[in-house]
Amino acid sequence: MKRAKGCFDKVGLRTVTFPTDYYSHDIKYDIPSLLFPDPYSLEYWTKLFKEWIGIIAYKLIGYI
């Protein structure tokens, strides 16, 4: 959403962001969660890295 908003802002369109799909949740800091990580954590990290790379690429190209 940050990349899309940046592109719209750059061309002068006012937008209001409204996320509809959440990947975050309350984090439990207990012994089992520290010893046995969530099996979906790799998927979440992959999505996060994709967004970070996309933001960097958009800034380098000049979209944002």
C-alpha atoms as a PDB file:
ATOM      1  CA  MET A   1       0.000   0.000   0.000  1.00  0.00           C
ATOM      2  CA  LYS A   2       2.907   2.337   0.675  1.00  0.00           C
ATOM      3  CA  ARG A   3       4.164   1.958  -2.901  1.00  0.00           C
ATOM      4  CA  ALA A   4       0.737   2.576  -4.430  1.00  0.00           C
ATOM      5  CA  LYS A   5       0.104   5.622  -2.227  1.00  0.00           C
ATOM      6  CA  GLY A   6       3.550   6.990  -3.102  1.00  0.00           C
ATOM      7  CA  CYS A   7       2.817   6.683  -6.817  1.00  0.00           C
ATOM      8  CA  PHE A   8      -0.563   8.386  -6.494  1.00  0.00           C
ATOM      9  CA  ASP A   9       0.873  11.158  -4.324  1.00  0.00           C
ATOM     10  CA  LYS A  10       3.650  11.824  -6.821  1.00  0.00           C
ATOM     11  CA  VAL A  11       1.164  12.507  -9.635  1.00  0.00           C
ATOM     12  CA  GLY A  12      -1.000  14.675  -7.372  1.00  0.00           C
ATOM     13  CA  LEU A  13      -3.930  12.380  -6.591  1.00  0.00           C
ATOM     14  CA  ARG A  14      -5.090  12.538  -2.993  1.00  0.00           C
ATOM     15  CA  THR A  15      -5.719   9.129  -1.517  1.00  0.00           C
ATOM     16  CA  VAL A  16      -6.895   7.720   1.765  1.00  0.00           C
ATOM     17  CA  THR A  17      -5.320   4.390   2.621  1.00  0.00           C
ATOM     18  CA  PHE A  18      -7.474   1.640   4.033  1.00  0.00           C
ATOM     19  CA  PRO A  19      -5.856  -1.763   4.553  1.00  0.00           C
ATOM     20  CA  THR A  20      -8.092  -4.785   4.147  1.00  0.00           C
ATOM     21  CA  ASP A  21      -5.697  -7.706   4.609  1.00  0.00           C
ATOM     22  CA  TYR A  22      -3.706  -7.844   7.818  1.00  0.00           C
ATOM     23  CA  TYR A  23      -0.617  -9.987   8.386  1.00  0.00           C
ATOM     24  CA  SER A  24       0.121  -8.889  11.923  1.00  0.00           C
ATOM     25  CA  HIS A  25      -1.229 -10.326  15.139  1.00  0.00           C
ATOM     26  CA  ASP A  26      -0.548 -10.175  18.834  1.00  0.00           C
ATOM     27  CA  ILE A  27       2.874 -11.612  19.579  1.00  0.00           C
ATOM     28  CA  LYS A  28       3.168 -14.129  22.382  1.00  0.00           C
ATOM     29  CA  TYR A  29       6.507 -14.168  24.165  1.00  0.00           C
ATOM     30  CA  ASP A  30       6.456 -17.504  25.906  1.00  0.00           C
ATOM     31  CA  ILE A  31       8.832 -20.468  25.897  1.00  0.00           C
ATOM     32  CA  PRO A  32       6.959 -22.632  23.336  1.00  0.00           C
ATOM     33  CA  SER A  33       6.693 -19.783  20.829  1.00  0.00           C
ATOM     34  CA  LEU A  34      10.413 -19.091  21.202  1.00  0.00           C
ATOM     35  CA  LEU A  35      11.401 -22.733  20.768  1.00  0.00           C
ATOM     36  CA  PHE A  36       8.887 -23.602  18.048  1.00  0.00           C
ATOM     37  CA  PRO A  37       8.384 -20.673  15.656  1.00  0.00           C
ATOM     38  CA  ASP A  38       5.261 -20.201  13.613  1.00  0.00           C
ATOM     39  CA  PRO A  39       5.452 -22.228  10.374  1.00  0.00           C
ATOM     40  CA  TYR A  40       4.061 -19.261   8.437  1.00  0.00           C
ATOM     41  CA  SER A  41       6.799 -16.883   9.576  1.00  0.00           C
ATOM     42  CA  LEU A  42       8.905 -17.566   6.466  1.00  0.00           C
ATOM     43  CA  GLU A  43       5.933 -16.612   4.295  1.00  0.00           C
ATOM     44  CA  TYR A  44       5.474 -13.356   6.218  1.00  0.00           C
ATOM     45  CA  TRP A  45       9.194 -12.506   5.930  1.00  0.00           C
ATOM     46  CA  THR A  46       9.051 -13.202   2.177  1.00  0.00           C
ATOM     47  CA  LYS A  47       6.181 -10.737   1.770  1.00  0.00           C
ATOM     48  CA  LEU A  48       7.996  -8.152   3.896  1.00  0.00           C
ATOM     49  CA  PHE A  49      11.228  -8.432   1.878  1.00  0.00           C
ATOM     50  CA  LYS A  50       9.257  -8.182  -1.377  1.00  0.00           C
ATOM     51  CA  GLU A  51       7.733  -4.914  -0.202  1.00  0.00           C
ATOM     52  CA  TRP A  52      11.082  -3.522   0.978  1.00  0.00           C
ATOM     53  CA  ILE A  53      12.684  -4.355  -2.373  1.00  0.00           C
ATOM     54  CA  GLY A  54       9.693  -2.885  -4.213  1.00  0.00           C
ATOM     55  CA  ILE A  55       9.902   0.380  -2.266  1.00  0.00           C
ATOM     56  CA  ILE A  56      13.638   0.679  -2.954  1.00  0.00           C
ATOM     57  CA  ALA A  57      13.146  -0.096  -6.653  1.00  0.00           C
ATOM     58  CA  TYR A  58      10.298   2.424  -6.980  1.00  0.00           C
ATOM     59  CA  LYS A  59      12.432   5.119  -5.347  1.00  0.00           C
ATOM     60  CA  LEU A  60      15.397   4.364  -7.624  1.00  0.00           C
ATOM     61  CA  ILE A  61      13.250   4.407 -10.758  1.00  0.00           C
ATOM     62  CA  GLY A  62      11.470   7.570  -9.663  1.00  0.00           C
ATOM     63  CA  TYR A  63       7.924   6.286  -9.253  1.00  0.00           C
ATOM     64  CA  ILE A  64       7.868   7.502  -5.653  1.00  0.00           C
END
